[in-house]
Amino acid sequence: MYQFVGQQEINRSLHEKGYKDVRITRQFMGFTPDQNRHTNQVRFINDDGNLIYSQPAAYNPDSFYFPSPVKIGKAYYDRNDSLINEPIDFTYANNLSVKDYQQILQIGIVSFISPKKKRFDLTEDDYRFLYQYLSQYPSETNYPKYDTSKFYDSFVKFYFKYGSHQMPEQVRVFNKVGWAYGFLTDISYVVDFKNNVEFMLTATVYVNSDGILNDDKYDYDSIGYPFMYQLGQTIYNYELQRNREHKPGLSNFKIQYEQRDINDKRPIIKDVDN
């Protein structure tokens, strides 16, 4: 997506929609800042070998504003597994605040409640696509074919994850998570069809007691997941009891999900990058 849209268009379009502090400056390819400004030529070809679409390579000459240093932790392991005894520097990394993150998801779910300037040019089919893949479980996904003993239904549904691999039958969570460097983030739109309940919940927590990043020793299991689960369940139970003057209409969020083919002999996927 970064290569197709281009660094300049990604940032300009988000800034024009009012997300002034967003910076998408890098791909996760080990590139230098200047290399990240370049994107490759893109060509689409049909089965007959005929060209459908082509766009040239691009370069972004726009400057970026980095207001202040962003340094985290007391030490980190670099890509060569060497311990560097200083904070890791995120100053020039991609930047997206949880406030903007939540609003972008909110607009992607219920655009009509947002100012037109901030909305995205999405068709009805686009919205159905988003609804499906923000909420579909690994067990319902035909491709990739996930190992559901590891990638269980609540795997990236942090507000329902701890203590159970199953999701409540009447609940669907439309969400996007962040999960790296000791940070857990979940931006969720939660729908309970049986009880006619909906709510949005956004949280981020940093659980890295040793202060060392990239050592794969984070407090996800002991602190992060239990906290996110307790937070989610507290809000969910409150919403179940809260009187609503206006009842939500949830019919748009009832999706026909994929079904696993029991005759599919492909090997299951046991590991994926986050």
Protein backbone atom coordinates (compact mmCIF):
# COMPACT_ATOMS: atom_id res chain seq x y z
CA MET A 1 0.00 0.00 0.00
CA TYR A 2 2.88 2.35 0.84
CA GLN A 3 4.49 1.63 -2.54
CA PHE A 4 1.22 2.00 -4.44
CA VAL A 5 -0.05 5.24 -2.87
CA GLY A 6 3.33 6.84 -2.25
CA GLN A 7 4.74 8.67 0.74
CA GLN A 8 3.70 12.11 -0.46
CA GLU A 9 0.06 11.22 -1.21
CA ILE A 10 -0.37 9.28 2.04
CA ASN A 11 0.74 12.21 4.18
CA ARG A 12 -0.81 15.02 2.17
CA SER A 13 -4.23 13.38 2.01
CA LEU A 14 -4.29 12.63 5.75
CA HIS A 15 -3.18 16.17 6.58
CA GLU A 16 -5.86 17.63 4.29
CA LYS A 17 -8.47 15.63 6.19
CA GLY A 18 -7.37 17.25 9.43
CA TYR A 19 -4.93 14.66 10.76
CA LYS A 20 -2.12 17.20 10.93
CA ASP A 21 0.14 15.27 13.30
CA VAL A 22 0.19 12.02 11.34
CA ARG A 23 3.56 11.10 9.84
CA ILE A 24 3.99 8.02 7.66
CA THR A 25 7.68 8.23 6.90
CA ARG A 26 9.02 4.70 6.73
CA GLN A 27 8.50 1.20 5.49
CA PHE A 28 9.72 -1.67 7.64
CA MET A 29 12.49 -2.54 5.20
CA GLY A 30 15.59 -1.14 6.90
CA PHE A 31 15.67 1.81 4.48
CA THR A 32 17.26 5.20 5.15
CA PRO A 33 14.95 8.24 5.42
CA ASP A 34 15.80 9.20 1.84
CA GLN A 35 15.20 5.68 0.52
CA ASN A 36 11.77 5.73 2.16
CA ARG A 37 10.91 8.79 0.06
CA HIS A 38 11.19 6.65 -3.08
CA THR A 39 8.49 4.26 -4.26
CA ASN A 40 8.75 1.84 -7.14
CA GLN A 41 6.92 1.70 -10.45
CA VAL A 42 3.65 -0.23 -10.18
CA ARG A 43 2.10 -2.24 -13.03
CA PHE A 44 -1.00 -4.45 -13.07
CA ILE A 45 -1.23 -7.12 -15.80
CA ASN A 46 -4.17 -9.41 -16.53
CA ASP A 47 -4.00 -13.17 -17.18
CA ASP A 48 -3.45 -12.56 -20.90
CA GLY A 49 -0.38 -10.46 -20.23
CA ASN A 50 -2.08 -7.18 -21.18
CA LEU A 51 -1.31 -4.09 -19.17
CA ILE A 52 -4.27 -2.90 -17.07
CA TYR A 53 -2.64 -0.06 -15.15
CA SER A 54 0.77 1.52 -14.78
CA GLN A 55 2.22 4.31 -12.68
CA PRO A 56 5.82 5.52 -12.62
CA ALA A 57 8.24 5.44 -9.74
CA ALA A 58 7.81 8.41 -7.41
CA TYR A 59 9.77 10.57 -4.99
CA ASN A 60 8.45 12.71 -2.14
CA PRO A 61 10.23 16.09 -1.88
CA ASP A 62 8.01 17.34 0.99
CA SER A 63 9.65 18.07 4.32
CA PHE A 64 8.47 16.60 7.64
CA TYR A 65 8.15 18.35 10.98
CA PHE A 66 9.53 16.48 13.99
CA PRO A 67 8.53 18.60 17.00
CA SER A 68 10.60 16.90 19.71
CA PRO A 69 12.72 13.79 20.31
CA VAL A 70 10.83 10.57 21.11
CA LYS A 71 13.06 8.19 23.05
CA ILE A 72 11.82 5.16 25.00
CA GLY A 73 13.38 2.72 27.43
CA LYS A 74 16.85 2.52 28.91
CA ALA A 75 18.38 0.10 26.38
CA TYR A 76 17.50 -1.95 23.30
CA TYR A 77 18.74 -4.73 21.04
CA ASP A 78 19.52 -3.65 17.48
CA ARG A 79 19.01 -5.71 14.31
CA ASN A 80 22.33 -7.48 14.93
CA ASP A 81 21.15 -8.57 18.42
CA SER A 82 23.67 -6.24 20.05
CA LEU A 83 22.62 -4.54 23.30
CA ILE A 84 22.70 -0.74 22.98
CA ASN A 85 22.72 0.90 26.40
CA GLU A 86 20.64 3.95 25.55
CA PRO A 87 16.97 4.62 24.79
CA ILE A 88 15.68 3.62 21.39
CA ASP A 89 14.98 6.64 19.19
CA PHE A 90 11.51 6.77 17.61
CA THR A 91 11.75 10.46 16.62
CA TYR A 92 11.70 9.72 12.88
CA ALA A 93 9.35 6.74 13.01
CA ASN A 94 5.76 6.65 11.81
CA ASN A 95 3.47 8.64 14.08
CA LEU A 96 -0.27 8.21 14.64
CA SER A 97 -1.89 9.29 17.90
CA VAL A 98 -4.56 7.13 19.54
CA LYS A 99 -6.96 10.07 19.19
CA ASP A 100 -6.52 10.15 15.41
CA TYR A 101 -6.43 6.34 15.31
CA GLN A 102 -9.84 6.12 16.99
CA GLN A 103 -11.36 8.79 14.78
CA ILE A 104 -10.14 7.09 11.60
CA LEU A 105 -11.71 3.80 12.70
CA GLN A 106 -14.87 5.59 13.77
CA ILE A 107 -15.17 7.24 10.36
CA GLY A 108 -14.54 3.88 8.72
CA ILE A 109 -17.43 2.40 10.70
CA VAL A 110 -20.04 5.18 10.86
CA SER A 111 -18.92 7.96 8.52
CA PHE A 112 -22.18 9.93 8.65
CA ILE A 113 -21.48 11.17 12.19
CA SER A 114 -18.22 12.85 11.10
CA PRO A 115 -17.51 16.10 9.23
CA LYS A 116 -17.41 15.54 5.46
CA LYS A 117 -13.84 16.85 5.29
CA LYS A 118 -12.60 13.98 7.44
CA ARG A 119 -14.43 11.20 5.60
CA PHE A 120 -12.84 8.81 3.15
CA ASP A 121 -14.10 8.17 -0.38
CA LEU A 122 -15.53 4.71 0.28
CA THR A 123 -18.31 2.91 -1.55
CA GLU A 124 -20.90 0.66 0.06
CA ASP A 125 -18.83 -2.35 -1.02
CA ASP A 126 -15.76 -0.78 0.57
CA TYR A 127 -17.59 -0.46 3.88
CA ARG A 128 -18.75 -4.08 3.72
CA PHE A 129 -15.16 -5.13 3.04
CA LEU A 130 -13.97 -3.16 6.07
CA TYR A 131 -16.70 -4.51 8.33
CA GLN A 132 -15.88 -8.08 7.37
CA TYR A 133 -12.13 -8.00 7.76
CA LEU A 134 -12.09 -5.86 10.90
CA SER A 135 -14.28 -8.44 12.64
CA GLN A 136 -13.76 -11.82 10.96
CA TYR A 137 -12.12 -14.52 13.10
CA PRO A 138 -9.12 -16.64 12.04
CA SER A 139 -11.37 -19.71 12.27
CA GLU A 140 -13.63 -18.17 9.61
CA THR A 141 -10.83 -17.18 7.25
CA ASN A 142 -10.16 -19.44 4.28
CA TYR A 143 -7.03 -17.70 3.09
CA PRO A 144 -4.66 -17.52 4.87
CA LYS A 145 -5.52 -20.79 6.60
CA TYR A 146 -4.56 -20.03 10.19
CA ASP A 147 -3.72 -22.52 12.92
CA THR A 148 -6.70 -21.79 15.17
CA SER A 149 -5.05 -23.39 18.20
CA LYS A 150 -2.64 -20.44 18.14
CA PHE A 151 -4.62 -17.83 16.23
CA TYR A 152 -7.86 -18.33 18.13
CA ASP A 153 -10.98 -16.17 17.81
CA SER A 154 -10.09 -13.69 20.57
CA PHE A 155 -6.41 -13.52 19.52
CA VAL A 156 -6.48 -9.81 18.62
CA LYS A 157 -9.62 -8.87 20.55
CA PHE A 158 -7.83 -7.70 23.68
CA TYR A 159 -10.98 -6.63 25.56
CA PHE A 160 -12.23 -10.24 25.37
CA LYS A 161 -8.93 -12.12 25.14
CA TYR A 162 -7.74 -12.98 28.65
CA GLY A 163 -8.85 -16.32 30.11
CA SER A 164 -10.78 -17.57 27.07
CA HIS A 165 -10.12 -18.26 23.41
CA GLN A 166 -13.82 -18.01 22.58
CA MET A 167 -15.78 -14.87 21.85
CA PRO A 168 -19.33 -14.37 23.16
CA GLU A 169 -21.66 -15.68 20.45
CA GLN A 170 -23.69 -12.46 20.23
CA VAL A 171 -20.66 -10.10 20.14
CA ARG A 172 -18.58 -8.83 17.24
CA VAL A 173 -15.57 -6.56 17.64
CA PHE A 174 -14.51 -4.34 14.73
CA ASN A 175 -11.02 -3.29 15.68
CA LYS A 176 -7.35 -2.69 14.99
CA VAL A 177 -4.60 -3.39 17.47
CA GLY A 178 -1.01 -2.34 18.02
CA TRP A 179 1.33 -4.87 19.61
CA ALA A 180 5.07 -4.15 19.75
CA TYR A 181 7.92 -2.91 21.94
CA GLY A 182 5.90 -3.57 25.11
CA PHE A 183 2.92 -1.51 23.97
CA LEU A 184 -0.59 -2.92 23.62
CA THR A 185 -3.16 -0.77 21.83
CA ASP A 186 -6.74 -1.64 20.92
CA ILE A 187 -9.17 0.62 19.07
CA SER A 188 -12.50 -1.22 19.05
CA TYR A 189 -16.10 -0.81 18.03
CA VAL A 190 -18.00 -3.46 20.02
CA VAL A 191 -21.45 -4.67 19.00
CA ASP A 192 -23.73 -6.97 21.01
CA PHE A 193 -26.58 -8.01 18.69
CA LYS A 194 -28.58 -9.88 21.33
CA ASN A 195 -28.69 -6.99 23.81
CA ASN A 196 -28.67 -4.23 21.17
CA VAL A 197 -25.56 -2.60 22.60
CA GLU A 198 -22.71 -0.76 20.88
CA PHE A 199 -19.72 1.22 22.15
CA MET A 200 -16.24 2.35 21.14
CA LEU A 201 -13.27 1.86 23.41
CA THR A 202 -9.65 2.87 22.87
CA ALA A 203 -6.76 2.09 25.19
CA THR A 204 -3.01 1.83 25.07
CA VAL A 205 -0.72 0.50 27.79
CA TYR A 206 3.07 0.13 28.07
CA VAL A 207 4.20 -3.00 29.93
CA ASN A 208 7.98 -3.30 29.86
CA SER A 209 9.26 -3.45 33.43
CA ASP A 210 12.92 -4.04 32.57
CA GLY A 211 13.04 -1.00 30.29
CA ILE A 212 14.81 -2.94 27.51
CA LEU A 213 13.21 -2.98 24.06
CA ASN A 214 13.52 -5.71 21.43
CA ASP A 215 14.43 -8.35 24.02
CA ASP A 216 11.06 -10.14 23.72
CA LYS A 217 10.65 -9.87 27.50
CA TYR A 218 7.51 -7.85 27.96
CA ASP A 219 4.79 -8.06 30.60
CA TYR A 220 1.97 -8.86 28.18
CA ASP A 221 0.78 -12.02 29.95
CA SER A 222 1.15 -10.82 33.54
CA ILE A 223 -0.05 -7.21 33.18
CA GLY A 224 -1.04 -6.19 29.65
CA TYR A 225 -3.66 -8.76 28.64
CA PRO A 226 -5.30 -8.96 32.09
CA PHE A 227 -5.55 -5.16 32.26
CA MET A 228 -7.03 -4.81 28.77
CA TYR A 229 -9.49 -7.63 29.46
CA GLN A 230 -10.62 -6.16 32.79
CA LEU A 231 -11.00 -2.71 31.22
CA GLY A 232 -13.01 -4.10 28.32
CA GLN A 233 -15.27 -6.21 30.52
CA THR A 234 -15.87 -3.32 32.93
CA ILE A 235 -17.03 -1.06 30.09
CA TYR A 236 -18.99 -3.86 28.41
CA ASN A 237 -20.90 -4.72 31.59
CA TYR A 238 -21.59 -1.04 32.20
CA GLU A 239 -22.96 -0.65 28.68
CA LEU A 240 -25.19 -3.70 29.16
CA GLN A 241 -26.85 -1.97 32.13
CA ARG A 242 -26.95 1.60 30.82
CA ASN A 243 -30.30 2.99 29.72
CA ARG A 244 -30.25 4.36 26.20
CA GLU A 245 -32.50 7.14 24.97
CA HIS A 246 -31.76 6.11 21.38
CA LYS A 247 -31.48 2.44 20.48
CA PRO A 248 -28.73 1.66 17.94
CA GLY A 249 -29.48 0.18 14.54
CA LEU A 250 -27.01 -2.65 14.08
CA SER A 251 -28.29 -4.42 10.97
CA ASN A 252 -25.46 -3.06 8.78
CA PHE A 253 -22.94 -4.91 10.91
CA LYS A 254 -24.40 -8.36 10.45
CA ILE A 255 -21.93 -9.92 8.04
CA GLN A 256 -21.90 -13.15 6.05
CA TYR A 257 -18.48 -14.43 7.04
CA GLU A 258 -16.34 -16.99 5.27
CA GLN A 259 -16.54 -20.64 6.23
CA ARG A 260 -13.59 -23.02 6.44
CA ASP A 261 -13.60 -25.73 3.77
CA ILE A 262 -13.25 -29.06 5.58
CA ASN A 263 -11.76 -30.57 2.40
CA ASP A 264 -9.00 -27.97 2.17
CA LYS A 265 -5.72 -29.90 2.35
CA ARG A 266 -3.35 -26.92 2.38
CA PRO A 267 -0.97 -26.77 5.36
CA ILE A 268 -2.10 -24.45 8.13
CA ILE A 269 -0.16 -21.29 8.92
CA LYS A 270 1.48 -21.55 12.33
CA ASP A 271 3.37 -18.27 12.41
CA VAL A 272 2.80 -14.78 11.01
CA ASP A 273 4.41 -11.39 11.49
CA ASN A 274 2.44 -8.97 13.65
